Each structure stands twice: as C-alpha cells, then as structure tokens.
Amino acid sequence: MKIDWGTVVVGLAILVVYGRMALIRGRKRRLERQALLEQKREAKKQKNRPHTPVAQPQPGIKITYEVVSWWLVGGGLLVTLAGIAMRYSALFPPAVQPYWWVVTAAGILLFAFSFR
C-alpha cells in the first residue's frame, strides 16, 4: 500500500477522534471523583447532624459519552463514506478524485465533535 499525504492526514484525523474521546472520558471521571469527594467533605462537616449516606458509584458499565446530535453522527458517517467512495470509485470526476482525503478527514472530524 502506498502511503501519501492524504493517508497521513486521514490518520491524524482518526488520532484526533481517539484523543477527544479520551479527554471526554477523563474529564467525566475526574468530575465524578470531585463530586464524591465533595459529598464526603460535607458529611464530615455535618458530624453532629443525622448521618446521611454518601452515594457510592455503581459498579458495572457506565456510558461516558453523550451524543450531541445523531444528525451529526450520521452526517459524519455519510461524508466519510463519500470520501472513501471518491478514492475508489469512478463515479466522481477525475479532477476531484485526488482530494478524497479532504472529504474523508472532514467527515471523521465531524464525527469526532458530535460527542461530549
């Protein structure tokens, strides 16, 4: 497989998606830990008052990503697929086929920013 600049740009766009997902996940975990710590501090301050149990995190699978818009997810997927079709299909004019990577990277980045 020949690696050209288009492939490198698409690879970097994919790395941006994974980096963004990792940042979102880390931020949500940090906020959960801070909220739990704040509850413990409040419980410690109120020792003389009746004890209220501190909410413990539930074990199991947590969904840490929230979809901003399903239309953005679908649009990102369609734009990415259109870019891939530009590269491997003869349906597009030869003048725009070398720029497949612009459309593909734009679709991937659109997909990346459809989550929070």
PDB file of N, CA and C in Angstrom:
ATOM      1  N   MET A   1       0.841  -1.185   0.000  1.00  0.00           N
ATOM      2  CA  MET A   1       0.000   0.000   0.000  1.00  0.00           C
ATOM      3  C   MET A   1       0.880   1.239   0.000  1.00  0.00           C
ATOM      4  N   LYS A   2       0.567   2.145  -0.874  1.00  0.00           N
ATOM      5  CA  LYS A   2       1.317   3.387  -0.979  1.00  0.00           C
ATOM      6  C   LYS A   2       0.773   4.394   0.032  1.00  0.00           C
ATOM      7  N   ILE A   3       1.664   4.984   0.802  1.00  0.00           N
ATOM      8  CA  ILE A   3       1.245   5.982   1.791  1.00  0.00           C
ATOM      9  C   ILE A   3       1.561   7.359   1.218  1.00  0.00           C
ATOM     10  N   ASP A   4       0.517   8.155   1.062  1.00  0.00           N
ATOM     11  CA  ASP A   4       0.672   9.514   0.561  1.00  0.00           C
ATOM     12  C   ASP A   4       0.196  10.499   1.626  1.00  0.00           C
ATOM     13  N   TRP A   5       0.221  11.772   1.298  1.00  0.00           N
ATOM     14  CA  TRP A   5      -0.162  12.792   2.279  1.00  0.00           C
ATOM     15  C   TRP A   5      -1.622  12.674   2.688  1.00  0.00           C
ATOM     16  N   GLY A   6      -2.464  12.250   1.773  1.00  0.00           N
ATOM     17  CA  GLY A   6      -3.877  12.086   2.103  1.00  0.00           C
ATOM     18  C   GLY A   6      -4.088  11.046   3.182  1.00  0.00           C
ATOM     19  N   THR A   7      -3.359   9.942   3.072  1.00  0.00           N
ATOM     20  CA  THR A   7      -3.469   8.888   4.078  1.00  0.00           C
ATOM     21  C   THR A   7      -2.972   9.380   5.437  1.00  0.00           C
ATOM     22  N   VAL A   8      -1.911  10.158   5.423  1.00  0.00           N
ATOM     23  CA  VAL A   8      -1.371  10.710   6.672  1.00  0.00           C
ATOM     24  C   VAL A   8      -2.379  11.660   7.323  1.00  0.00           C
ATOM     25  N   VAL A   9      -3.015  12.509   6.523  1.00  0.00           N
ATOM     26  CA  VAL A   9      -3.996  13.458   7.060  1.00  0.00           C
ATOM     27  C   VAL A   9      -5.196  12.721   7.652  1.00  0.00           C
ATOM     28  N   VAL A  10      -5.675  11.689   6.962  1.00  0.00           N
ATOM     29  CA  VAL A  10      -6.799  10.908   7.479  1.00  0.00           C
ATOM     30  C   VAL A  10      -6.393  10.196   8.768  1.00  0.00           C
ATOM     31  N   GLY A  11      -5.182   9.668   8.826  1.00  0.00           N
ATOM     32  CA  GLY A  11      -4.692   9.025  10.046  1.00  0.00           C
ATOM     33  C   GLY A  11      -4.630  10.004  11.208  1.00  0.00           C
ATOM     34  N   LEU A  12      -4.187  11.220  10.952  1.00  0.00           N
ATOM     35  CA  LEU A  12      -4.151  12.242  12.007  1.00  0.00           C
ATOM     36  C   LEU A  12      -5.563  12.617  12.463  1.00  0.00           C
ATOM     37  N   ALA A  13      -6.502  12.649  11.530  1.00  0.00           N
ATOM     38  CA  ALA A  13      -7.888  12.942  11.911  1.00  0.00           C
ATOM     39  C   ALA A  13      -8.433  11.843  12.820  1.00  0.00           C
ATOM     40  N   ILE A  14      -8.086  10.603  12.538  1.00  0.00           N
ATOM     41  CA  ILE A  14      -8.520   9.486  13.390  1.00  0.00           C
ATOM     42  C   ILE A  14      -7.892   9.605  14.778  1.00  0.00           C
ATOM     43  N   LEU A  15      -6.629  10.019  14.837  1.00  0.00           N
ATOM     44  CA  LEU A  15      -5.983  10.224  16.139  1.00  0.00           C
ATOM     45  C   LEU A  15      -6.657  11.348  16.924  1.00  0.00           C
ATOM     46  N   VAL A  16      -7.138  12.370  16.236  1.00  0.00           N
ATOM     47  CA  VAL A  16      -7.868  13.448  16.907  1.00  0.00           C
ATOM     48  C   VAL A  16      -9.153  12.900  17.528  1.00  0.00           C
ATOM     49  N   VAL A  17      -9.843  12.003  16.802  1.00  0.00           N
ATOM     50  CA  VAL A  17     -11.067  11.400  17.339  1.00  0.00           C
ATOM     51  C   VAL A  17     -10.761  10.633  18.621  1.00  0.00           C
ATOM     52  N   TYR A  18      -9.750   9.778  18.583  1.00  0.00           N
ATOM     53  CA  TYR A  18      -9.416   8.993  19.774  1.00  0.00           C
ATOM     54  C   TYR A  18      -8.942   9.882  20.916  1.00  0.00           C
ATOM     55  N   GLY A  19      -8.183  10.915  20.611  1.00  0.00           N
ATOM     56  CA  GLY A  19      -7.741  11.839  21.658  1.00  0.00           C
ATOM     57  C   GLY A  19      -8.902  12.581  22.287  1.00  0.00           C
ATOM     58  N   ARG A  20      -9.839  13.000  21.481  1.00  0.00           N
ATOM     59  CA  ARG A  20     -11.022  13.694  22.011  1.00  0.00           C
ATOM     60  C   ARG A  20     -11.848  12.777  22.894  1.00  0.00           C
ATOM     61  N   MET A  21     -12.012  11.529  22.470  1.00  0.00           N
ATOM     62  CA  MET A  21     -12.762  10.573  23.292  1.00  0.00           C
ATOM     63  C   MET A  21     -12.067  10.344  24.633  1.00  0.00           C
ATOM     64  N   ALA A  22     -10.748  10.248  24.607  1.00  0.00           N
ATOM     65  CA  ALA A  22     -10.005  10.047  25.856  1.00  0.00           C
ATOM     66  C   ALA A  22     -10.147  11.266  26.774  1.00  0.00           C
ATOM     67  N   LEU A  23     -10.113  12.466  26.210  1.00  0.00           N
ATOM     68  CA  LEU A  23     -10.274  13.671  27.022  1.00  0.00           C
ATOM     69  C   LEU A  23     -11.666  13.742  27.634  1.00  0.00           C
ATOM     70  N   ILE A  24     -12.682  13.400  26.864  1.00  0.00           N
ATOM     71  CA  ILE A  24     -14.045  13.416  27.386  1.00  0.00           C
ATOM     72  C   ILE A  24     -14.182  12.419  28.518  1.00  0.00           C
ATOM     73  N   ARG A  25     -13.655  11.240  28.314  1.00  0.00           N
ATOM     74  CA  ARG A  25     -13.755  10.193  29.336  1.00  0.00           C
ATOM     75  C   ARG A  25     -13.021  10.591  30.613  1.00  0.00           C
ATOM     76  N   GLY A  26     -11.822  11.125  30.474  1.00  0.00           N
ATOM     77  CA  GLY A  26     -11.047  11.547  31.640  1.00  0.00           C
ATOM     78  C   GLY A  26     -11.706  12.682  32.395  1.00  0.00           C
ATOM     79  N   ARG A  27     -12.283  13.634  31.666  1.00  0.00           N
ATOM     80  CA  ARG A  27     -12.946  14.766  32.317  1.00  0.00           C
ATOM     81  C   ARG A  27     -14.166  14.297  33.107  1.00  0.00           C
ATOM     82  N   LYS A  28     -14.943  13.399  32.549  1.00  0.00           N
ATOM     83  CA  LYS A  28     -16.133  12.919  33.259  1.00  0.00           C
ATOM     84  C   LYS A  28     -15.750  12.131  34.509  1.00  0.00           C
ATOM     85  N   ARG A  29     -14.706  11.323  34.419  1.00  0.00           N
ATOM     86  CA  ARG A  29     -14.259  10.580  35.607  1.00  0.00           C
ATOM     87  C   ARG A  29     -13.748  11.519  36.684  1.00  0.00           C
ATOM     88  N   ARG A  30     -13.016  12.544  36.287  1.00  0.00           N
ATOM     89  CA  ARG A  30     -12.491  13.497  37.267  1.00  0.00           C
ATOM     90  C   ARG A  30     -13.632  14.242  37.943  1.00  0.00           C
ATOM     91  N   LEU A  31     -14.649  14.637  37.186  1.00  0.00           N
ATOM     92  CA  LEU A  31     -15.787  15.328  37.784  1.00  0.00           C
ATOM     93  C   LEU A  31     -16.555  14.424  38.740  1.00  0.00           C
ATOM     94  N   GLU A  32     -16.669  13.132  38.420  1.00  0.00           N
ATOM     95  CA  GLU A  32     -17.329  12.189  39.329  1.00  0.00           C
ATOM     96  C   GLU A  32     -16.549  12.053  40.630  1.00  0.00           C
ATOM     97  N   ARG A  33     -15.224  11.950  40.524  1.00  0.00           N
ATOM     98  CA  ARG A  33     -14.398  11.842  41.732  1.00  0.00           C
ATOM     99  C   ARG A  33     -14.501  13.103  42.584  1.00  0.00           C
ATOM    100  N   GLN A  34     -14.517  14.271  41.947  1.00  0.00           N
ATOM    101  CA  GLN A  34     -14.640  15.516  42.697  1.00  0.00           C
ATOM    102  C   GLN A  34     -15.985  15.615  43.403  1.00  0.00           C
ATOM    103  N   ALA A  35     -17.050  15.180  42.745  1.00  0.00           N
ATOM    104  CA  ALA A  35     -18.372  15.225  43.373  1.00  0.00           C
ATOM    105  C   ALA A  35     -18.424  14.282  44.569  1.00  0.00           C
ATOM    106  N   LEU A  36     -17.847  13.097  44.449  1.00  0.00           N
ATOM    107  CA  LEU A  36     -17.820  12.152  45.554  1.00  0.00           C
ATOM    108  C   LEU A  36     -16.996  12.695  46.716  1.00  0.00           C
ATOM    109  N   LEU A  37     -15.862  13.312  46.416  1.00  0.00           N
ATOM    110  CA  LEU A  37     -15.038  13.908  47.459  1.00  0.00           C
ATOM    111  C   LEU A  37     -15.767  15.053  48.154  1.00  0.00           C
ATOM    112  N   GLU A  38     -16.493  15.837  47.402  1.00  0.00           N
ATOM    113  CA  GLU A  38     -17.264  16.939  47.986  1.00  0.00           C
ATOM    114  C   GLU A  38     -18.365  16.415  48.909  1.00  0.00           C
ATOM    115  N   GLN A  39     -19.005  15.314  48.528  1.00  0.00           N
ATOM    116  CA  GLN A  39     -20.028  14.705  49.386  1.00  0.00           C
ATOM    117  C   GLN A  39     -19.403  14.217  50.689  1.00  0.00           C
ATOM    118  N   LYS A  40     -18.226  13.626  50.584  1.00  0.00           N
ATOM    119  CA  LYS A  40     -17.558  13.145  51.798  1.00  0.00           C
ATOM    120  C   LYS A  40     -17.176  14.305  52.711  1.00  0.00           C
ATOM    121  N   ARG A  41     -16.718  15.409  52.125  1.00  0.00           N
ATOM    122  CA  ARG A  41     -16.361  16.579  52.927  1.00  0.00           C
ATOM    123  C   ARG A  41     -17.586  17.150  53.634  1.00  0.00           C
ATOM    124  N   GLU A  42     -18.689  17.214  52.924  1.00  0.00           N
ATOM    125  CA  GLU A  42     -19.919  17.721  53.530  1.00  0.00           C
ATOM    126  C   GLU A  42     -20.376  16.804  54.660  1.00  0.00           C
ATOM    127  N   ALA A  43     -20.257  15.502  54.464  1.00  0.00           N
ATOM    128  CA  ALA A  43     -20.660  14.560  55.508  1.00  0.00           C
ATOM    129  C   ALA A  43     -19.759  14.704  56.730  1.00  0.00           C
ATOM    130  N   LYS A  44     -18.485  14.977  56.499  1.00  0.00           N
ATOM    131  CA  LYS A  44     -17.552  15.150  57.609  1.00  0.00           C
ATOM    132  C   LYS A  44     -17.859  16.430  58.386  1.00  0.00           C
ATOM    133  N   LYS A  45     -18.289  17.478  57.681  1.00  0.00           N
ATOM    134  CA  LYS A  45     -18.626  18.734  58.336  1.00  0.00           C
ATOM    135  C   LYS A  45     -19.879  18.599  59.202  1.00  0.00           C
ATOM    136  N   GLN A  46     -20.756  17.721  58.809  1.00  0.00           N
ATOM    137  CA  GLN A  46     -22.040  17.577  59.496  1.00  0.00           C
ATOM    138  C   GLN A  46     -22.047  16.364  60.420  1.00  0.00           C
ATOM    139  N   LYS A  47     -20.976  16.179  61.171  1.00  0.00           N
ATOM    140  CA  LYS A  47     -20.902  15.022  62.066  1.00  0.00           C
ATOM    141  C   LYS A  47     -21.957  15.063  63.159  1.00  0.00           C
ATOM    142  N   ASN A  48     -22.300  16.237  63.621  1.00  0.00           N
ATOM    143  CA  ASN A  48     -23.274  16.351  64.697  1.00  0.00           C
ATOM    144  C   ASN A  48     -24.708  16.152  64.216  1.00  0.00           C
ATOM    145  N   ARG A  49     -24.911  16.289  62.945  1.00  0.00           N
ATOM    146  CA  ARG A  49     -26.253  16.117  62.390  1.00  0.00           C
ATOM    147  C   ARG A  49     -26.479  14.647  62.076  1.00  0.00           C
ATOM    148  N   PRO A  50     -27.732  14.269  61.849  1.00  0.00           N
ATOM    149  CA  PRO A  50     -28.002  12.867  61.493  1.00  0.00           C
ATOM    150  C   PRO A  50     -27.218  12.463  60.243  1.00  0.00           C
ATOM    151  N   HIS A  51     -26.751  11.258  60.269  1.00  0.00           N
ATOM    152  CA  HIS A  51     -25.888  10.754  59.198  1.00  0.00           C
ATOM    153  C   HIS A  51     -26.695  10.499  57.922  1.00  0.00           C
ATOM    154  N   THR A  52     -26.211  11.057  56.838  1.00  0.00           N
ATOM    155  CA  THR A  52     -26.798  10.754  55.532  1.00  0.00           C
ATOM    156  C   THR A  52     -25.762   9.966  54.746  1.00  0.00           C
ATOM    157  N   PRO A  53     -26.140   8.850  54.183  1.00  0.00           N
ATOM    158  CA  PRO A  53     -25.155   8.025  53.488  1.00  0.00           C
ATOM    159  C   PRO A  53     -24.611   8.728  52.246  1.00  0.00           C
ATOM    160  N   VAL A  54     -23.336   8.507  52.004  1.00  0.00           N
ATOM    161  CA  VAL A  54     -22.669   9.067  50.832  1.00  0.00           C
ATOM    162  C   VAL A  54     -22.958   8.151  49.653  1.00  0.00           C
ATOM    163  N   ALA A  55     -23.331   8.755  48.542  1.00  0.00           N
ATOM    164  CA  ALA A  55     -23.651   7.958  47.351  1.00  0.00           C
ATOM    165  C   ALA A  55     -22.379   7.314  46.807  1.00  0.00           C
ATOM    166  N   GLN A  56     -22.409   6.022  46.684  1.00  0.00           N
ATOM    167  CA  GLN A  56     -21.270   5.274  46.145  1.00  0.00           C
ATOM    168  C   GLN A  56     -21.488   5.039  44.658  1.00  0.00           C
ATOM    169  N   PRO A  57     -20.411   5.071  43.874  1.00  0.00           N
ATOM    170  CA  PRO A  57     -20.578   4.806  42.456  1.00  0.00           C
ATOM    171  C   PRO A  57     -21.019   3.360  42.227  1.00  0.00           C
ATOM    172  N   GLN A  58     -21.926   3.182  41.293  1.00  0.00           N
ATOM    173  CA  GLN A  58     -22.459   1.858  40.995  1.00  0.00           C
ATOM    174  C   GLN A  58     -21.457   1.075  40.143  1.00  0.00           C
ATOM    175  N   PRO A  59     -21.176  -0.172  40.528  1.00  0.00           N
ATOM    176  CA  PRO A  59     -20.277  -0.966  39.690  1.00  0.00           C
ATOM    177  C   PRO A  59     -20.992  -1.373  38.404  1.00  0.00           C
ATOM    178  N   GLY A  60     -20.206  -1.596  37.377  1.00  0.00           N
ATOM    179  CA  GLY A  60     -20.782  -2.015  36.104  1.00  0.00           C
ATOM    180  C   GLY A  60     -20.345  -1.094  34.980  1.00  0.00           C
ATOM    181  N   ILE A  61     -20.991  -1.238  33.878  1.00  0.00           N
ATOM    182  CA  ILE A  61     -20.640  -0.469  32.693  1.00  0.00           C
ATOM    183  C   ILE A  61     -21.316   0.896  32.757  1.00  0.00           C
ATOM    184  N   LYS A  62     -20.508   1.931  32.541  1.00  0.00           N
ATOM    185  CA  LYS A  62     -21.038   3.286  32.500  1.00  0.00           C
ATOM    186  C   LYS A  62     -20.870   3.821  31.086  1.00  0.00           C
ATOM    187  N   ILE A  63     -21.868   4.524  30.628  1.00  0.00           N
ATOM    188  CA  ILE A  63     -21.757   5.200  29.343  1.00  0.00           C
ATOM    189  C   ILE A  63     -21.179   6.575  29.636  1.00  0.00           C
ATOM    190  N   THR A  64     -19.979   6.823  29.141  1.00  0.00           N
ATOM    191  CA  THR A  64     -19.301   8.067  29.467  1.00  0.00           C
ATOM    192  C   THR A  64     -19.385   9.097  28.348  1.00  0.00           C
ATOM    193  N   TYR A  65     -20.006   8.749  27.235  1.00  0.00           N
ATOM    194  CA  TYR A  65     -20.119   9.681  26.123  1.00  0.00           C
ATOM    195  C   TYR A  65     -21.578  10.018  25.893  1.00  0.00           C
ATOM    196  N   GLU A  66     -21.801  11.247  25.521  1.00  0.00           N
ATOM    197  CA  GLU A  66     -23.153  11.696  25.221  1.00  0.00           C
ATOM    198  C   GLU A  66     -23.160  12.214  23.787  1.00  0.00           C
ATOM    199  N   VAL A  67     -24.121  11.786  23.014  1.00  0.00           N
ATOM    200  CA  VAL A  67     -24.226  12.213  21.622  1.00  0.00           C
ATOM    201  C   VAL A  67     -24.873  13.595  21.589  1.00  0.00           C
ATOM    202  N   VAL A  68     -24.187  14.551  20.974  1.00  0.00           N
ATOM    203  CA  VAL A  68     -24.717  15.897  20.841  1.00  0.00           C
ATOM    204  C   VAL A  68     -25.897  15.880  19.881  1.00  0.00           C
ATOM    205  N   SER A  69     -25.691  15.269  18.727  1.00  0.00           N
ATOM    206  CA  SER A  69     -26.747  15.204  17.727  1.00  0.00           C
ATOM    207  C   SER A  69     -26.549  13.960  16.881  1.00  0.00           C
ATOM    208  N   TRP A  70     -27.582  13.161  16.761  1.00  0.00           N
ATOM    209  CA  TRP A  70     -27.495  11.978  15.916  1.00  0.00           C
ATOM    210  C   TRP A  70     -27.391  12.377  14.450  1.00  0.00           C
ATOM    211  N   TRP A  71     -27.876  13.561  14.110  1.00  0.00           N
ATOM    212  CA  TRP A  71     -27.729  14.039  12.740  1.00  0.00           C
ATOM    213  C   TRP A  71     -26.264  14.291  12.410  1.00  0.00           C
ATOM    214  N   LEU A  72     -25.499  14.805  13.374  1.00  0.00           N
ATOM    215  CA  LEU A  72     -24.057  14.998  13.158  1.00  0.00           C
ATOM    216  C   LEU A  72     -23.340  13.659  13.008  1.00  0.00           C
ATOM    217  N   VAL A  73     -23.739  12.674  13.795  1.00  0.00           N
ATOM    218  CA  VAL A  73     -23.124  11.344  13.691  1.00  0.00           C
ATOM    219  C   VAL A  73     -23.389  10.768  12.298  1.00  0.00           C
ATOM    220  N   GLY A  74     -24.652  10.817  11.863  1.00  0.00           N
ATOM    221  CA  GLY A  74     -24.996  10.302  10.543  1.00  0.00           C
ATOM    222  C   GLY A  74     -24.336  11.095   9.430  1.00  0.00           C
ATOM    223  N   GLY A  75     -24.295  12.416   9.584  1.00  0.00           N
ATOM    224  CA  GLY A  75     -23.640  13.253   8.575  1.00  0.00           C
ATOM    225  C   GLY A  75     -22.153  12.976   8.477  1.00  0.00           C
ATOM    226  N   GLY A  76     -21.499  12.824   9.627  1.00  0.00           N
ATOM    227  CA  GLY A  76     -20.076  12.489   9.614  1.00  0.00           C
ATOM    228  C   GLY A  76     -19.807  11.156   8.948  1.00  0.00           C
ATOM    229  N   LEU A  77     -20.666  10.186   9.230  1.00  0.00           N
ATOM    230  CA  LEU A  77     -20.520   8.871   8.611  1.00  0.00           C
ATOM    231  C   LEU A  77     -20.720   8.947   7.100  1.00  0.00           C
ATOM    232  N   LEU A  78     -21.744   9.690   6.653  1.00  0.00           N
ATOM    233  CA  LEU A  78     -22.000   9.805   5.217  1.00  0.00           C
ATOM    234  C   LEU A  78     -20.885  10.559   4.490  1.00  0.00           C
ATOM    235  N   VAL A  79     -20.368  11.622   5.109  1.00  0.00           N
ATOM    236  CA  VAL A  79     -19.278  12.381   4.483  1.00  0.00           C
ATOM    237  C   VAL A  79     -18.016  11.524   4.404  1.00  0.00           C
ATOM    238  N   THR A  80     -17.750  10.754   5.454  1.00  0.00           N
ATOM    239  CA  THR A  80     -16.585   9.855   5.433  1.00  0.00           C
ATOM    240  C   THR A  80     -16.732   8.807   4.335  1.00  0.00           C
ATOM    241  N   LEU A  81     -17.904   8.214   4.229  1.00  0.00           N
ATOM    242  CA  LEU A  81     -18.130   7.215   3.184  1.00  0.00           C
ATOM    243  C   LEU A  81     -18.050   7.830   1.789  1.00  0.00           C
ATOM    244  N   ALA A  82     -18.492   9.080   1.645  1.00  0.00           N
ATOM    245  CA  ALA A  82     -18.367   9.753   0.354  1.00  0.00           C
ATOM    246  C   ALA A  82     -16.903   9.973  -0.005  1.00  0.00           C
ATOM    247  N   GLY A  83     -16.076  10.305   0.976  1.00  0.00           N
ATOM    248  CA  GLY A  83     -14.651  10.474   0.721  1.00  0.00           C
ATOM    249  C   GLY A  83     -13.980   9.173   0.318  1.00  0.00           C
ATOM    250  N   ILE A  84     -14.369   8.084   0.959  1.00  0.00           N
ATOM    251  CA  ILE A  84     -13.813   6.778   0.594  1.00  0.00           C
ATOM    252  C   ILE A  84     -14.266   6.395  -0.813  1.00  0.00           C
ATOM    253  N   ALA A  85     -15.532   6.691  -1.132  1.00  0.00           N
ATOM    254  CA  ALA A  85     -16.036   6.402  -2.476  1.00  0.00           C
ATOM    255  C   ALA A  85     -15.314   7.249  -3.523  1.00  0.00           C
ATOM    256  N   MET A  86     -14.948   8.479  -3.155  1.00  0.00           N
ATOM    257  CA  MET A  86     -14.196   9.327  -4.092  1.00  0.00           C
ATOM    258  C   MET A  86     -12.864   8.694  -4.461  1.00  0.00           C
ATOM    259  N   ARG A  87     -12.259   8.036  -3.520  1.00  0.00           N
ATOM    260  CA  ARG A  87     -10.947   7.455  -3.796  1.00  0.00           C
ATOM    261  C   ARG A  87     -11.045   6.208  -4.661  1.00  0.00           C
ATOM    262  N   TYR A  88     -12.016   5.356  -4.403  1.00  0.00           N
ATOM    263  CA  TYR A  88     -12.042   4.051  -5.052  1.00  0.00           C
ATOM    264  C   TYR A  88     -13.100   3.899  -6.136  1.00  0.00           C
ATOM    265  N   SER A  89     -13.897   4.917  -6.388  1.00  0.00           N
ATOM    266  CA  SER A  89     -14.979   4.788  -7.363  1.00  0.00           C
ATOM    267  C   SER A  89     -14.710   5.689  -8.566  1.00  0.00           C
ATOM    268  N   ALA A  90     -15.214   5.256  -9.705  1.00  0.00           N
ATOM    269  CA  ALA A  90     -15.087   6.056 -10.920  1.00  0.00           C
ATOM    270  C   ALA A  90     -16.305   6.951 -11.118  1.00  0.00           C
ATOM    271  N   LEU A  91     -17.187   7.020 -10.150  1.00  0.00           N
ATOM    272  CA  LEU A  91     -18.385   7.847 -10.266  1.00  0.00           C
ATOM    273  C   LEU A  91     -18.082   9.343 -10.158  1.00  0.00           C
ATOM    274  N   PHE A  92     -16.983   9.689  -9.542  1.00  0.00           N
ATOM    275  CA  PHE A  92     -16.628  11.084  -9.341  1.00  0.00           C
ATOM    276  C   PHE A  92     -15.699  11.544 -10.468  1.00  0.00           C
ATOM    277  N   PRO A  93     -15.745  12.831 -10.803  1.00  0.00           N
ATOM    278  CA  PRO A  93     -14.864  13.334 -11.870  1.00  0.00           C
ATOM    279  C   PRO A  93     -13.390  13.173 -11.492  1.00  0.00           C
ATOM    280  N   PRO A  94     -12.551  12.909 -12.466  1.00  0.00           N
ATOM    281  CA  PRO A  94     -11.114  12.737 -12.179  1.00  0.00           C
ATOM    282  C   PRO A  94     -10.469  13.983 -11.560  1.00  0.00           C
ATOM    283  N   ALA A  95     -11.055  15.144 -11.769  1.00  0.00           N
ATOM    284  CA  ALA A  95     -10.470  16.374 -11.221  1.00  0.00           C
ATOM    285  C   ALA A  95     -10.600  16.441  -9.701  1.00  0.00           C
ATOM    286  N   VAL A  96     -11.613  15.784  -9.112  1.00  0.00           N
ATOM    287  CA  VAL A  96     -11.799  15.861  -7.666  1.00  0.00           C
ATOM    288  C   VAL A  96     -11.319  14.600  -6.943  1.00  0.00           C
ATOM    289  N   GLN A  97     -11.027  13.540  -7.665  1.00  0.00           N
ATOM    290  CA  GLN A  97     -10.602  12.296  -7.015  1.00  0.00           C
ATOM    291  C   GLN A  97      -9.318  12.423  -6.203  1.00  0.00           C
ATOM    292  N   PRO A  98      -8.331  13.223  -6.611  1.00  0.00           N
ATOM    293  CA  PRO A  98      -7.125  13.344  -5.763  1.00  0.00           C
ATOM    294  C   PRO A  98      -7.378  13.998  -4.409  1.00  0.00           C
ATOM    295  N   TYR A  99      -8.520  14.632  -4.232  1.00  0.00           N
ATOM    296  CA  TYR A  99      -8.825  15.328  -2.979  1.00  0.00           C
ATOM    297  C   TYR A  99      -9.780  14.535  -2.095  1.00  0.00           C
ATOM    298  N   TRP A 100      -9.754  13.233  -2.216  1.00  0.00           N
ATOM    299  CA  TRP A 100     -10.597  12.348  -1.410  1.00  0.00           C
ATOM    300  C   TRP A 100     -10.324  12.530   0.066  1.00  0.00           C
ATOM    301  N   TRP A 101      -9.072  12.796   0.416  1.00  0.00           N
ATOM    302  CA  TRP A 101      -8.676  12.858   1.812  1.00  0.00           C
ATOM    303  C   TRP A 101      -9.284  14.060   2.530  1.00  0.00           C
ATOM    304  N   VAL A 102      -9.576  15.143   1.801  1.00  0.00           N
ATOM    305  CA  VAL A 102     -10.187  16.318   2.427  1.00  0.00           C
ATOM    306  C   VAL A 102     -11.596  15.957   2.913  1.00  0.00           C
ATOM    307  N   VAL A 103     -12.355  15.282   2.052  1.00  0.00           N
ATOM    308  CA  VAL A 103     -13.722  14.918   2.402  1.00  0.00           C
ATOM    309  C   VAL A 103     -13.729  13.877   3.516  1.00  0.00           C
ATOM    310  N   THR A 104     -12.831  12.898   3.420  1.00  0.00           N
ATOM    311  CA  THR A 104     -12.777  11.842   4.435  1.00  0.00           C
ATOM    312  C   THR A 104     -12.387  12.409   5.801  1.00  0.00           C
ATOM    313  N   ALA A 105     -11.369  13.248   5.843  1.00  0.00           N
ATOM    314  CA  ALA A 105     -10.932  13.842   7.112  1.00  0.00           C
ATOM    315  C   ALA A 105     -12.018  14.765   7.682  1.00  0.00           C
ATOM    316  N   ALA A 106     -12.716  15.487   6.815  1.00  0.00           N
ATOM    317  CA  ALA A 106     -13.797  16.357   7.298  1.00  0.00           C
ATOM    318  C   ALA A 106     -14.917  15.526   7.925  1.00  0.00           C
ATOM    319  N   GLY A 107     -15.251  14.397   7.329  1.00  0.00           N
ATOM    320  CA  GLY A 107     -16.276  13.528   7.900  1.00  0.00           C
ATOM    321  C   GLY A 107     -15.859  12.942   9.232  1.00  0.00           C
ATOM    322  N   ILE A 108     -14.600  12.555   9.333  1.00  0.00           N
ATOM    323  CA  ILE A 108     -14.096  11.994  10.591  1.00  0.00           C
ATOM    324  C   ILE A 108     -14.115  13.058  11.691  1.00  0.00           C
ATOM    325  N   LEU A 109     -13.688  14.273  11.365  1.00  0.00           N
ATOM    326  CA  LEU A 109     -13.689  15.344  12.370  1.00  0.00           C
ATOM    327  C   LEU A 109     -15.109  15.760  12.752  1.00  0.00           C
ATOM    328  N   LEU A 110     -16.031  15.732  11.796  1.00  0.00           N
ATOM    329  CA  LEU A 110     -17.428  15.995  12.112  1.00  0.00           C
ATOM    330  C   LEU A 110     -17.958  14.954  13.086  1.00  0.00           C
ATOM    331  N   PHE A 111     -17.585  13.715  12.866  1.00  0.00           N
ATOM    332  CA  PHE A 111     -17.971  12.626  13.770  1.00  0.00           C
ATOM    333  C   PHE A 111     -17.361  12.836  15.155  1.00  0.00           C
ATOM    334  N   ALA A 112     -16.122  13.299  15.201  1.00  0.00           N
ATOM    335  CA  ALA A 112     -15.432  13.484  16.482  1.00  0.00           C
ATOM    336  C   ALA A 112     -16.127  14.529  17.354  1.00  0.00           C
ATOM    337  N   PHE A 113     -16.638  15.578  16.740  1.00  0.00           N
ATOM    338  CA  PHE A 113     -17.231  16.658  17.520  1.00  0.00           C
ATOM    339  C   PHE A 113     -18.742  16.496  17.687  1.00  0.00           C
ATOM    340  N   SER A 114     -19.239  15.306  17.407  1.00  0.00           N
ATOM    341  CA  SER A 114     -20.658  15.047  17.653  1.00  0.00           C
ATOM    342  C   SER A 114     -20.875  14.393  19.014  1.00  0.00           C
ATOM    343  N   PHE A 115     -19.820  14.287  19.803  1.00  0.00           N
ATOM    344  CA  PHE A 115     -19.901  13.712  21.154  1.00  0.00           C
ATOM    345  C   PHE A 115     -19.435  14.741  22.164  1.00  0.00           C
ATOM    346  N   ARG A 116     -19.961  14.577  23.390  1.00  0.00           N
ATOM    347  CA  ARG A 116     -19.447  15.400  24.505  1.00  0.00           C
ATOM    348  C   ARG A 116     -19.438  14.559  25.756  1.00  0.00           C
TER     349      ARG A 116
END
